[in-house]
Amino acid sequence: PKPAVTQEKKKGFVCKICGYVYEGDTLPPDFICPLCKHGADDFEP
């Protein structure tokens, strides 16, 4: 059997509205989603 391919876990935040992914350890508090224009409050790790 081939060993299971483990995908590298991405660090970042995803927009709960449109699914845009911001990669990074921390999300700036004033970040605005470039797609749906929602703020950082609508992102989750």
PDB file of all heavy atoms in Angstrom:
ATOM      1  N   PRO A   1       0.829  -1.219   0.000  1.00  0.00           N
ATOM      2  CA  PRO A   1       0.000   0.000   0.000  1.00  0.00           C
ATOM      3  C   PRO A   1       0.851   1.252   0.000  1.00  0.00           C
ATOM      4  O   PRO A   1       1.887   1.316   0.655  1.00  0.00           O
ATOM      5  CB  PRO A   1      -0.796  -0.119   1.316  1.00  0.00           C
ATOM      6  CG  PRO A   1      -0.677  -1.537   1.727  1.00  0.00           C
ATOM      7  CD  PRO A   1       0.611  -2.052   1.169  1.00  0.00           C
ATOM      8  N   LYS A   2       0.396   2.228  -0.782  1.00  0.00           N
ATOM      9  CA  LYS A   2       1.109   3.506  -0.808  1.00  0.00           C
ATOM     10  C   LYS A   2       0.798   4.275   0.476  1.00  0.00           C
ATOM     11  O   LYS A   2      -0.327   4.247   0.962  1.00  0.00           O
ATOM     12  CB  LYS A   2       0.666   4.350  -2.008  1.00  0.00           C
ATOM     13  CG  LYS A   2       0.822   3.646  -3.353  1.00  0.00           C
ATOM     14  CD  LYS A   2       2.271   3.456  -3.716  1.00  0.00           C
ATOM     15  CE  LYS A   2       2.448   2.897  -5.090  1.00  0.00           C
ATOM     16  NZ  LYS A   2       1.974   1.530  -5.265  1.00  0.00           N
ATOM     17  N   PRO A   3       1.787   4.944   1.039  1.00  0.00           N
ATOM     18  CA  PRO A   3       1.499   5.754   2.234  1.00  0.00           C
ATOM     19  C   PRO A   3       0.544   6.881   1.892  1.00  0.00           C
ATOM     20  O   PRO A   3       0.575   7.423   0.787  1.00  0.00           O
ATOM     21  CB  PRO A   3       2.878   6.295   2.631  1.00  0.00           C
ATOM     22  CG  PRO A   3       3.715   6.180   1.401  1.00  0.00           C
ATOM     23  CD  PRO A   3       3.176   5.022   0.612  1.00  0.00           C
ATOM     24  N   ALA A   4      -0.331   7.189   2.834  1.00  0.00           N
ATOM     25  CA  ALA A   4      -1.305   8.261   2.612  1.00  0.00           C
ATOM     26  C   ALA A   4      -0.564   9.578   2.425  1.00  0.00           C
ATOM     27  O   ALA A   4       0.357   9.902   3.165  1.00  0.00           O
ATOM     28  CB  ALA A   4      -2.263   8.351   3.792  1.00  0.00           C
ATOM     29  N   VAL A   5      -0.973  10.309   1.402  1.00  0.00           N
ATOM     30  CA  VAL A   5      -0.356  11.594   1.131  1.00  0.00           C
ATOM     31  C   VAL A   5      -0.938  12.615   2.107  1.00  0.00           C
ATOM     32  O   VAL A   5      -2.145  12.830   2.156  1.00  0.00           O
ATOM     33  CB  VAL A   5      -0.623  12.046  -0.316  1.00  0.00           C
ATOM     34  CG1 VAL A   5      -0.031  13.426  -0.568  1.00  0.00           C
ATOM     35  CG2 VAL A   5      -0.069  11.030  -1.297  1.00  0.00           C
ATOM     36  N   THR A   6      -0.080  13.185   2.900  1.00  0.00           N
ATOM     37  CA  THR A   6      -0.545  14.184   3.862  1.00  0.00           C
ATOM     38  C   THR A   6      -0.322  15.565   3.271  1.00  0.00           C
ATOM     39  O   THR A   6       0.791  15.918   2.900  1.00  0.00           O
ATOM     40  CB  THR A   6       0.219  14.068   5.196  1.00  0.00           C
ATOM     41  OG1 THR A   6       1.616  14.167   4.922  1.00  0.00           O
ATOM     42  CG2 THR A   6      -0.062  12.739   5.875  1.00  0.00           C
ATOM     43  N   GLN A   7      -1.415  16.295   3.172  1.00  0.00           N
ATOM     44  CA  GLN A   7      -1.310  17.645   2.659  1.00  0.00           C
ATOM     45  C   GLN A   7      -0.795  18.561   3.755  1.00  0.00           C
ATOM     46  O   GLN A   7      -1.155  18.411   4.918  1.00  0.00           O
ATOM     47  CB  GLN A   7      -2.675  18.131   2.181  1.00  0.00           C
ATOM     48  CG  GLN A   7      -3.174  17.388   0.953  1.00  0.00           C
ATOM     49  CD  GLN A   7      -4.491  17.937   0.472  1.00  0.00           C
ATOM     50  OE1 GLN A   7      -5.199  18.589   1.215  1.00  0.00           O
ATOM     51  NE2 GLN A   7      -4.817  17.660  -0.769  1.00  0.00           N
ATOM     52  N   GLU A   8       0.061  19.468   3.331  1.00  0.00           N
ATOM     53  CA  GLU A   8       0.589  20.415   4.294  1.00  0.00           C
ATOM     54  C   GLU A   8      -0.546  21.310   4.784  1.00  0.00           C
ATOM     55  O   GLU A   8      -1.297  21.880   3.992  1.00  0.00           O
ATOM     56  CB  GLU A   8       1.673  21.269   3.649  1.00  0.00           C
ATOM     57  CG  GLU A   8       2.370  22.195   4.612  1.00  0.00           C
ATOM     58  CD  GLU A   8       3.457  23.007   3.932  1.00  0.00           C
ATOM     59  OE1 GLU A   8       3.877  22.625   2.818  1.00  0.00           O
ATOM     60  OE2 GLU A   8       3.868  24.007   4.521  1.00  0.00           O
ATOM     61  N   LYS A   9      -0.676  21.384   6.087  1.00  0.00           N
ATOM     62  CA  LYS A   9      -1.748  22.176   6.662  1.00  0.00           C
ATOM     63  C   LYS A   9      -1.440  23.656   6.490  1.00  0.00           C
ATOM     64  O   LYS A   9      -0.385  24.131   6.883  1.00  0.00           O
ATOM     65  CB  LYS A   9      -1.916  21.834   8.144  1.00  0.00           C
ATOM     66  CG  LYS A   9      -3.145  22.458   8.762  1.00  0.00           C
ATOM     67  CD  LYS A   9      -3.344  21.960  10.166  1.00  0.00           C
ATOM     68  CE  LYS A   9      -4.602  22.571  10.767  1.00  0.00           C
ATOM     69  NZ  LYS A   9      -4.825  22.105  12.145  1.00  0.00           N
ATOM     70  N   LYS A  10      -2.409  24.357   5.888  1.00  0.00           N
ATOM     71  CA  LYS A  10      -2.230  25.782   5.682  1.00  0.00           C
ATOM     72  C   LYS A  10      -2.626  26.546   6.934  1.00  0.00           C
ATOM     73  O   LYS A  10      -3.605  26.215   7.602  1.00  0.00           O
ATOM     74  CB  LYS A  10      -3.092  26.258   4.502  1.00  0.00           C
ATOM     75  CG  LYS A  10      -2.622  25.768   3.153  1.00  0.00           C
ATOM     76  CD  LYS A  10      -3.461  26.346   2.041  1.00  0.00           C
ATOM     77  CE  LYS A  10      -2.973  25.902   0.676  1.00  0.00           C
ATOM     78  NZ  LYS A  10      -3.806  26.457  -0.416  1.00  0.00           N
ATOM     79  N   LYS A  11      -1.859  27.586   7.210  1.00  0.00           N
ATOM     80  CA  LYS A  11      -2.215  28.488   8.295  1.00  0.00           C
ATOM     81  C   LYS A  11      -2.860  29.720   7.673  1.00  0.00           C
ATOM     82  O   LYS A  11      -2.364  30.254   6.680  1.00  0.00           O
ATOM     83  CB  LYS A  11      -0.966  28.894   9.093  1.00  0.00           C
ATOM     84  CG  LYS A  11      -0.354  27.764   9.878  1.00  0.00           C
ATOM     85  CD  LYS A  11       0.834  28.252  10.690  1.00  0.00           C
ATOM     86  CE  LYS A  11       1.429  27.123  11.516  1.00  0.00           C
ATOM     87  NZ  LYS A  11       2.587  27.583  12.308  1.00  0.00           N
ATOM     88  N   GLY A  12      -3.959  30.137   8.254  1.00  0.00           N
ATOM     89  CA  GLY A  12      -4.608  31.315   7.708  1.00  0.00           C
ATOM     90  C   GLY A  12      -6.043  31.436   8.161  1.00  0.00           C
ATOM     91  O   GLY A  12      -6.465  30.790   9.132  1.00  0.00           O
ATOM     92  N   PHE A  13      -6.783  32.255   7.435  1.00  0.00           N
ATOM     93  CA  PHE A  13      -8.163  32.563   7.790  1.00  0.00           C
ATOM     94  C   PHE A  13      -9.012  32.521   6.530  1.00  0.00           C
ATOM     95  O   PHE A  13      -8.533  32.839   5.438  1.00  0.00           O
ATOM     96  CB  PHE A  13      -8.239  33.948   8.447  1.00  0.00           C
ATOM     97  CG  PHE A  13      -7.405  34.052   9.691  1.00  0.00           C
ATOM     98  CD1 PHE A  13      -6.038  34.307   9.619  1.00  0.00           C
ATOM     99  CD2 PHE A  13      -7.982  33.867  10.927  1.00  0.00           C
ATOM    100  CE1 PHE A  13      -5.259  34.383  10.763  1.00  0.00           C
ATOM    101  CE2 PHE A  13      -7.197  33.945  12.082  1.00  0.00           C
ATOM    102  CZ  PHE A  13      -5.839  34.208  11.996  1.00  0.00           C
ATOM    103  N   VAL A  14     -10.276  32.096   6.685  1.00  0.00           N
ATOM    104  CA  VAL A  14     -11.171  31.999   5.540  1.00  0.00           C
ATOM    105  C   VAL A  14     -12.389  32.893   5.770  1.00  0.00           C
ATOM    106  O   VAL A  14     -12.933  32.957   6.882  1.00  0.00           O
ATOM    107  CB  VAL A  14     -11.599  30.532   5.284  1.00  0.00           C
ATOM    108  CG1 VAL A  14     -12.325  29.933   6.483  1.00  0.00           C
ATOM    109  CG2 VAL A  14     -12.442  30.409   4.028  1.00  0.00           C
ATOM    110  N   CYS A  15     -12.795  33.564   4.717  1.00  0.00           N
ATOM    111  CA  CYS A  15     -13.972  34.438   4.788  1.00  0.00           C
ATOM    112  C   CYS A  15     -15.227  33.572   4.842  1.00  0.00           C
ATOM    113  O   CYS A  15     -15.441  32.715   3.979  1.00  0.00           O
ATOM    114  CB  CYS A  15     -14.013  35.366   3.584  1.00  0.00           C
ATOM    115  SG  CYS A  15     -15.464  36.439   3.543  1.00  0.00           S
ATOM    116  N   LYS A  16     -16.073  33.810   5.860  1.00  0.00           N
ATOM    117  CA  LYS A  16     -17.304  33.031   6.028  1.00  0.00           C
ATOM    118  C   LYS A  16     -18.349  33.415   4.982  1.00  0.00           C
ATOM    119  O   LYS A  16     -19.292  32.672   4.754  1.00  0.00           O
ATOM    120  CB  LYS A  16     -17.888  33.242   7.429  1.00  0.00           C
ATOM    121  CG  LYS A  16     -17.003  32.706   8.542  1.00  0.00           C
ATOM    122  CD  LYS A  16     -17.648  32.862   9.901  1.00  0.00           C
ATOM    123  CE  LYS A  16     -17.550  34.296  10.371  1.00  0.00           C
ATOM    124  NZ  LYS A  16     -18.020  34.464  11.766  1.00  0.00           N
ATOM    125  N   ILE A  17     -18.138  34.527   4.310  1.00  0.00           N
ATOM    126  CA  ILE A  17     -19.124  34.995   3.331  1.00  0.00           C
ATOM    127  C   ILE A  17     -18.847  34.413   1.949  1.00  0.00           C
ATOM    128  O   ILE A  17     -19.724  33.806   1.332  1.00  0.00           O
ATOM    129  CB  ILE A  17     -19.130  36.545   3.252  1.00  0.00           C
ATOM    130  CG1 ILE A  17     -19.296  37.157   4.646  1.00  0.00           C
ATOM    131  CG2 ILE A  17     -20.233  37.032   2.311  1.00  0.00           C
ATOM    132  CD1 ILE A  17     -20.540  36.746   5.392  1.00  0.00           C
ATOM    133  N   CYS A  18     -17.608  34.567   1.470  1.00  0.00           N
ATOM    134  CA  CYS A  18     -17.319  34.156   0.093  1.00  0.00           C
ATOM    135  C   CYS A  18     -16.286  33.044  -0.027  1.00  0.00           C
ATOM    136  O   CYS A  18     -16.073  32.501  -1.109  1.00  0.00           O
ATOM    137  CB  CYS A  18     -16.861  35.364  -0.733  1.00  0.00           C
ATOM    138  SG  CYS A  18     -15.229  35.984  -0.243  1.00  0.00           S
ATOM    139  N   GLY A  19     -15.584  32.699   1.076  1.00  0.00           N
ATOM    140  CA  GLY A  19     -14.614  31.622   1.028  1.00  0.00           C
ATOM    141  C   GLY A  19     -13.204  32.044   0.676  1.00  0.00           C
ATOM    142  O   GLY A  19     -12.327  31.194   0.502  1.00  0.00           O
ATOM    143  N   TYR A  20     -12.944  33.322   0.565  1.00  0.00           N
ATOM    144  CA  TYR A  20     -11.597  33.807   0.279  1.00  0.00           C
ATOM    145  C   TYR A  20     -10.658  33.387   1.414  1.00  0.00           C
ATOM    146  O   TYR A  20     -10.994  33.462   2.582  1.00  0.00           O
ATOM    147  CB  TYR A  20     -11.595  35.333   0.134  1.00  0.00           C
ATOM    148  CG  TYR A  20     -10.216  35.916  -0.076  1.00  0.00           C
ATOM    149  CD1 TYR A  20      -9.619  35.918  -1.324  1.00  0.00           C
ATOM    150  CD2 TYR A  20      -9.499  36.437   1.005  1.00  0.00           C
ATOM    151  CE1 TYR A  20      -8.350  36.449  -1.504  1.00  0.00           C
ATOM    152  CE2 TYR A  20      -8.227  36.969   0.835  1.00  0.00           C
ATOM    153  CZ  TYR A  20      -7.659  36.966  -0.425  1.00  0.00           C
ATOM    154  OH  TYR A  20      -6.393  37.488  -0.601  1.00  0.00           O
ATOM    155  N   VAL A  21      -9.458  32.940   1.075  1.00  0.00           N
ATOM    156  CA  VAL A  21      -8.489  32.475   2.066  1.00  0.00           C
ATOM    157  C   VAL A  21      -7.359  33.490   2.187  1.00  0.00           C
ATOM    158  O   VAL A  21      -6.718  33.849   1.193  1.00  0.00           O
ATOM    159  CB  VAL A  21      -7.919  31.094   1.698  1.00  0.00           C
ATOM    160  CG1 VAL A  21      -6.804  30.706   2.664  1.00  0.00           C
ATOM    161  CG2 VAL A  21      -9.010  30.034   1.702  1.00  0.00           C
ATOM    162  N   TYR A  22      -7.143  33.926   3.419  1.00  0.00           N
ATOM    163  CA  TYR A  22      -6.001  34.783   3.733  1.00  0.00           C
ATOM    164  C   TYR A  22      -4.962  33.905   4.422  1.00  0.00           C
ATOM    165  O   TYR A  22      -5.210  33.318   5.465  1.00  0.00           O
ATOM    166  CB  TYR A  22      -6.433  35.922   4.663  1.00  0.00           C
ATOM    167  CG  TYR A  22      -5.284  36.782   5.130  1.00  0.00           C
ATOM    168  CD1 TYR A  22      -4.869  37.872   4.391  1.00  0.00           C
ATOM    169  CD2 TYR A  22      -4.594  36.484   6.306  1.00  0.00           C
ATOM    170  CE1 TYR A  22      -3.795  38.652   4.808  1.00  0.00           C
ATOM    171  CE2 TYR A  22      -3.524  37.260   6.736  1.00  0.00           C
ATOM    172  CZ  TYR A  22      -3.130  38.345   5.970  1.00  0.00           C
ATOM    173  OH  TYR A  22      -2.069  39.120   6.383  1.00  0.00           O
ATOM    174  N   GLU A  23      -3.770  33.772   3.813  1.00  0.00           N
ATOM    175  CA  GLU A  23      -2.725  32.935   4.382  1.00  0.00           C
ATOM    176  C   GLU A  23      -1.830  33.766   5.285  1.00  0.00           C
ATOM    177  O   GLU A  23      -1.387  34.852   4.903  1.00  0.00           O
ATOM    178  CB  GLU A  23      -1.898  32.274   3.277  1.00  0.00           C
ATOM    179  CG  GLU A  23      -2.682  31.246   2.483  1.00  0.00           C
ATOM    180  CD  GLU A  23      -1.822  30.502   1.482  1.00  0.00           C
ATOM    181  OE1 GLU A  23      -0.592  30.441   1.672  1.00  0.00           O
ATOM    182  OE2 GLU A  23      -2.384  29.964   0.510  1.00  0.00           O
ATOM    183  N   GLY A  24      -1.591  33.249   6.482  1.00  0.00           N
ATOM    184  CA  GLY A  24      -0.735  33.934   7.436  1.00  0.00           C
ATOM    185  C   GLY A  24      -1.083  33.528   8.854  1.00  0.00           C
ATOM    186  O   GLY A  24      -2.117  32.896   9.106  1.00  0.00           O
ATOM    187  N   ASP A  25      -0.194  33.855   9.784  1.00  0.00           N
ATOM    188  CA  ASP A  25      -0.419  33.488  11.192  1.00  0.00           C
ATOM    189  C   ASP A  25      -1.456  34.380  11.862  1.00  0.00           C
ATOM    190  O   ASP A  25      -2.186  33.935  12.742  1.00  0.00           O
ATOM    191  CB  ASP A  25       0.895  33.547  11.973  1.00  0.00           C
ATOM    192  CG  ASP A  25       1.872  32.464  11.522  1.00  0.00           C
ATOM    193  OD1 ASP A  25       1.398  31.405  11.058  1.00  0.00           O
ATOM    194  OD2 ASP A  25       3.089  32.679  11.629  1.00  0.00           O
ATOM    195  N   THR A  26      -1.513  35.632  11.463  1.00  0.00           N
ATOM    196  CA  THR A  26      -2.472  36.564  12.067  1.00  0.00           C
ATOM    197  C   THR A  26      -3.172  37.357  10.977  1.00  0.00           C
ATOM    198  O   THR A  26      -2.581  37.639   9.922  1.00  0.00           O
ATOM    199  CB  THR A  26      -1.775  37.544  13.031  1.00  0.00           C
ATOM    200  OG1 THR A  26      -0.772  38.261  12.315  1.00  0.00           O
ATOM    201  CG2 THR A  26      -1.148  36.794  14.217  1.00  0.00           C
ATOM    202  N   LEU A  27      -4.411  37.700  11.232  1.00  0.00           N
ATOM    203  CA  LEU A  27      -5.210  38.492  10.287  1.00  0.00           C
ATOM    204  C   LEU A  27      -5.263  39.930  10.802  1.00  0.00           C
ATOM    205  O   LEU A  27      -5.693  40.153  11.943  1.00  0.00           O
ATOM    206  CB  LEU A  27      -6.621  37.916  10.181  1.00  0.00           C
ATOM    207  CG  LEU A  27      -7.576  38.630   9.218  1.00  0.00           C
ATOM    208  CD1 LEU A  27      -7.136  38.398   7.772  1.00  0.00           C
ATOM    209  CD2 LEU A  27      -9.010  38.128   9.414  1.00  0.00           C
ATOM    210  N   PRO A  28      -4.816  40.894  10.010  1.00  0.00           N
ATOM    211  CA  PRO A  28      -4.878  42.280  10.472  1.00  0.00           C
ATOM    212  C   PRO A  28      -6.315  42.681  10.823  1.00  0.00           C
ATOM    213  O   PRO A  28      -7.255  42.327  10.105  1.00  0.00           O
ATOM    214  CB  PRO A  28      -4.370  43.082   9.262  1.00  0.00           C
ATOM    215  CG  PRO A  28      -3.578  42.103   8.454  1.00  0.00           C
ATOM    216  CD  PRO A  28      -4.236  40.773   8.668  1.00  0.00           C
ATOM    217  N   PRO A  29      -6.516  43.391  11.935  1.00  0.00           N
ATOM    218  CA  PRO A  29      -7.872  43.731  12.360  1.00  0.00           C
ATOM    219  C   PRO A  29      -8.612  44.629  11.376  1.00  0.00           C
ATOM    220  O   PRO A  29      -9.860  44.616  11.341  1.00  0.00           O
ATOM    221  CB  PRO A  29      -7.669  44.440  13.707  1.00  0.00           C
ATOM    222  CG  PRO A  29      -6.224  44.815  13.749  1.00  0.00           C
ATOM    223  CD  PRO A  29      -5.493  43.867  12.876  1.00  0.00           C
ATOM    224  N   ASP A  30      -7.882  45.345  10.533  1.00  0.00           N
ATOM    225  CA  ASP A  30      -8.548  46.232   9.567  1.00  0.00           C
ATOM    226  C   ASP A  30      -8.597  45.622   8.155  1.00  0.00           C
ATOM    227  O   ASP A  30      -8.826  46.340   7.170  1.00  0.00           O
ATOM    228  CB  ASP A  30      -7.848  47.597   9.541  1.00  0.00           C
ATOM    229  CG  ASP A  30      -6.377  47.470   9.155  1.00  0.00           C
ATOM    230  OD1 ASP A  30      -5.863  46.316   9.148  1.00  0.00           O
ATOM    231  OD2 ASP A  30      -5.763  48.498   8.865  1.00  0.00           O
ATOM    232  N   PHE A  31      -8.356  44.273   8.066  1.00  0.00           N
ATOM    233  CA  PHE A  31      -8.320  43.619   6.756  1.00  0.00           C
ATOM    234  C   PHE A  31      -9.718  43.629   6.132  1.00  0.00           C
ATOM    235  O   PHE A  31     -10.713  43.363   6.783  1.00  0.00           O
ATOM    236  CB  PHE A  31      -7.804  42.183   6.881  1.00  0.00           C
ATOM    237  CG  PHE A  31      -7.672  41.480   5.560  1.00  0.00           C
ATOM    238  CD1 PHE A  31      -6.596  41.745   4.726  1.00  0.00           C
ATOM    239  CD2 PHE A  31      -8.633  40.571   5.143  1.00  0.00           C
ATOM    240  CE1 PHE A  31      -6.466  41.107   3.509  1.00  0.00           C
ATOM    241  CE2 PHE A  31      -8.514  39.937   3.917  1.00  0.00           C
ATOM    242  CZ  PHE A  31      -7.431  40.202   3.100  1.00  0.00           C
ATOM    243  N   ILE A  32      -9.769  43.915   4.828  1.00  0.00           N
ATOM    244  CA  ILE A  32     -11.016  43.902   4.068  1.00  0.00           C
ATOM    245  C   ILE A  32     -10.898  42.836   2.986  1.00  0.00           C
ATOM    246  O   ILE A  32      -9.902  42.797   2.240  1.00  0.00           O
ATOM    247  CB  ILE A  32     -11.294  45.274   3.405  1.00  0.00           C
ATOM    248  CG1 ILE A  32     -11.387  46.378   4.461  1.00  0.00           C
ATOM    249  CG2 ILE A  32     -12.579  45.222   2.577  1.00  0.00           C
ATOM    250  CD1 ILE A  32     -12.525  46.212   5.438  1.00  0.00           C
ATOM    251  N   CYS A  33     -11.886  41.950   2.917  1.00  0.00           N
ATOM    252  CA  CYS A  33     -11.867  40.890   1.908  1.00  0.00           C
ATOM    253  C   CYS A  33     -11.866  41.517   0.519  1.00  0.00           C
ATOM    254  O   CYS A  33     -12.733  42.341   0.201  1.00  0.00           O
ATOM    255  CB  CYS A  33     -13.086  39.978   2.069  1.00  0.00           C
ATOM    256  SG  CYS A  33     -13.157  38.663   0.828  1.00  0.00           S
ATOM    257  N   PRO A  34     -10.909  41.117  -0.347  1.00  0.00           N
ATOM    258  CA  PRO A  34     -10.843  41.722  -1.682  1.00  0.00           C
ATOM    259  C   PRO A  34     -11.989  41.290  -2.599  1.00  0.00           C
ATOM    260  O   PRO A  34     -12.216  41.922  -3.623  1.00  0.00           O
ATOM    261  CB  PRO A  34      -9.496  41.241  -2.222  1.00  0.00           C
ATOM    262  CG  PRO A  34      -9.183  40.000  -1.463  1.00  0.00           C
ATOM    263  CD  PRO A  34      -9.804  40.166  -0.110  1.00  0.00           C
ATOM    264  N   LEU A  35     -12.701  40.221  -2.221  1.00  0.00           N
ATOM    265  CA  LEU A  35     -13.789  39.743  -3.073  1.00  0.00           C
ATOM    266  C   LEU A  35     -15.146  40.316  -2.675  1.00  0.00           C
ATOM    267  O   LEU A  35     -15.842  40.924  -3.481  1.00  0.00           O
ATOM    268  CB  LEU A  35     -13.846  38.202  -3.054  1.00  0.00           C
ATOM    269  CG  LEU A  35     -12.608  37.461  -3.585  1.00  0.00           C
ATOM    270  CD1 LEU A  35     -12.817  35.962  -3.522  1.00  0.00           C
ATOM    271  CD2 LEU A  35     -12.308  37.894  -5.027  1.00  0.00           C
ATOM    272  N   CYS A  36     -15.518  40.071  -1.399  1.00  0.00           N
ATOM    273  CA  CYS A  36     -16.865  40.485  -0.983  1.00  0.00           C
ATOM    274  C   CYS A  36     -16.877  41.769  -0.155  1.00  0.00           C
ATOM    275  O   CYS A  36     -17.939  42.249   0.232  1.00  0.00           O
ATOM    276  CB  CYS A  36     -17.553  39.356  -0.223  1.00  0.00           C
ATOM    277  SG  CYS A  36     -16.776  38.976   1.381  1.00  0.00           S
ATOM    278  N   LYS A  37     -15.662  42.299   0.142  1.00  0.00           N
ATOM    279  CA  LYS A  37     -15.499  43.555   0.862  1.00  0.00           C
ATOM    280  C   LYS A  37     -15.959  43.512   2.308  1.00  0.00           C
ATOM    281  O   LYS A  37     -16.204  44.554   2.920  1.00  0.00           O
ATOM    282  CB  LYS A  37     -16.233  44.715   0.135  1.00  0.00           C
ATOM    283  CG  LYS A  37     -15.905  44.853  -1.335  1.00  0.00           C
ATOM    284  CD  LYS A  37     -14.417  45.000  -1.559  1.00  0.00           C
ATOM    285  CE  LYS A  37     -14.110  45.176  -3.059  1.00  0.00           C
ATOM    286  NZ  LYS A  37     -12.691  45.097  -3.355  1.00  0.00           N
ATOM    287  N   HIS A  38     -16.085  42.320   2.890  1.00  0.00           N
ATOM    288  CA  HIS A  38     -16.405  42.219   4.305  1.00  0.00           C
ATOM    289  C   HIS A  38     -15.131  42.337   5.123  1.00  0.00           C
ATOM    290  O   HIS A  38     -14.034  42.058   4.639  1.00  0.00           O
ATOM    291  CB  HIS A  38     -17.125  40.899   4.613  1.00  0.00           C
ATOM    292  CG  HIS A  38     -18.561  40.919   4.213  1.00  0.00           C
ATOM    293  ND1 HIS A  38     -18.980  40.832   2.922  1.00  0.00           N
ATOM    294  CD2 HIS A  38     -19.700  41.035   4.971  1.00  0.00           C
ATOM    295  CE1 HIS A  38     -20.294  40.869   2.863  1.00  0.00           C
ATOM    296  NE2 HIS A  38     -20.757  41.008   4.104  1.00  0.00           N
ATOM    297  N   GLY A  39     -15.285  42.717   6.387  1.00  0.00           N
ATOM    298  CA  GLY A  39     -14.142  42.964   7.245  1.00  0.00           C
ATOM    299  C   GLY A  39     -13.635  41.724   7.956  1.00  0.00           C
ATOM    300  O   GLY A  39     -14.148  40.603   7.781  1.00  0.00           O
ATOM    301  N   ALA A  40     -12.631  41.946   8.797  1.00  0.00           N
ATOM    302  CA  ALA A  40     -11.962  40.849   9.501  1.00  0.00           C
ATOM    303  C   ALA A  40     -12.899  40.080  10.421  1.00  0.00           C
ATOM    304  O   ALA A  40     -12.675  38.901  10.707  1.00  0.00           O
ATOM    305  CB  ALA A  40     -10.780  41.404  10.291  1.00  0.00           C
ATOM    306  N   ASP A  41     -13.970  40.735  10.886  1.00  0.00           N
ATOM    307  CA  ASP A  41     -14.920  40.045  11.776  1.00  0.00           C
ATOM    308  C   ASP A  41     -15.605  38.870  11.090  1.00  0.00           C
ATOM    309  O   ASP A  41     -16.140  37.985  11.767  1.00  0.00           O
ATOM    310  CB  ASP A  41     -15.971  41.035  12.288  1.00  0.00           C
ATOM    311  CG  ASP A  41     -15.384  42.061  13.241  1.00  0.00           C
ATOM    312  OD1 ASP A  41     -14.285  41.777  13.803  1.00  0.00           O
ATOM    313  OD2 ASP A  41     -16.019  43.113  13.428  1.00  0.00           O
ATOM    314  N   ASP A  42     -15.650  38.873   9.759  1.00  0.00           N
ATOM    315  CA  ASP A  42     -16.306  37.793   9.027  1.00  0.00           C
ATOM    316  C   ASP A  42     -15.321  36.711   8.569  1.00  0.00           C
ATOM    317  O   ASP A  42     -15.648  35.898   7.708  1.00  0.00           O
ATOM    318  CB  ASP A  42     -17.060  38.367   7.806  1.00  0.00           C
ATOM    319  CG  ASP A  42     -18.273  39.150   8.202  1.00  0.00           C
ATOM    320  OD1 ASP A  42     -19.009  38.677   9.093  1.00  0.00           O
ATOM    321  OD2 ASP A  42     -18.493  40.237   7.646  1.00  0.00           O
ATOM    322  N   PHE A  43     -14.128  36.683   9.136  1.00  0.00           N
ATOM    323  CA  PHE A  43     -13.135  35.640   8.851  1.00  0.00           C
ATOM    324  C   PHE A  43     -13.006  34.718  10.052  1.00  0.00           C
ATOM    325  O   PHE A  43     -13.198  35.138  11.196  1.00  0.00           O
ATOM    326  CB  PHE A  43     -11.766  36.263   8.550  1.00  0.00           C
ATOM    327  CG  PHE A  43     -11.633  36.761   7.147  1.00  0.00           C
ATOM    328  CD1 PHE A  43     -12.295  37.920   6.730  1.00  0.00           C
ATOM    329  CD2 PHE A  43     -10.851  36.084   6.220  1.00  0.00           C
ATOM    330  CE1 PHE A  43     -12.174  38.386   5.430  1.00  0.00           C
ATOM    331  CE2 PHE A  43     -10.726  36.542   4.923  1.00  0.00           C
ATOM    332  CZ  PHE A  43     -11.382  37.692   4.524  1.00  0.00           C
ATOM    333  N   GLU A  44     -12.698  33.460   9.798  1.00  0.00           N
ATOM    334  CA  GLU A  44     -12.442  32.501  10.877  1.00  0.00           C
ATOM    335  C   GLU A  44     -11.171  31.715  10.550  1.00  0.00           C
ATOM    336  O   GLU A  44     -10.827  31.549   9.374  1.00  0.00           O
ATOM    337  CB  GLU A  44     -13.621  31.561  11.071  1.00  0.00           C
ATOM    338  CG  GLU A  44     -13.972  30.711   9.873  1.00  0.00           C
ATOM    339  CD  GLU A  44     -15.212  29.871  10.080  1.00  0.00           C
ATOM    340  OE1 GLU A  44     -15.887  30.018  11.104  1.00  0.00           O
ATOM    341  OE2 GLU A  44     -15.495  29.047   9.200  1.00  0.00           O
ATOM    342  N   PRO A  45     -10.473  31.222  11.572  1.00  0.00           N
ATOM    343  CA  PRO A  45      -9.232  30.456  11.305  1.00  0.00           C
ATOM    344  C   PRO A  45      -9.518  29.201  10.489  1.00  0.00           C
ATOM    345  O   PRO A  45     -10.584  28.569  10.633  1.00  0.00           O
ATOM    346  CB  PRO A  45      -8.734  30.104  12.692  1.00  0.00           C
ATOM    347  CG  PRO A  45      -9.402  31.072  13.614  1.00  0.00           C
ATOM    348  CD  PRO A  45     -10.728  31.393  12.991  1.00  0.00           C
TER     349      PRO A  45
END
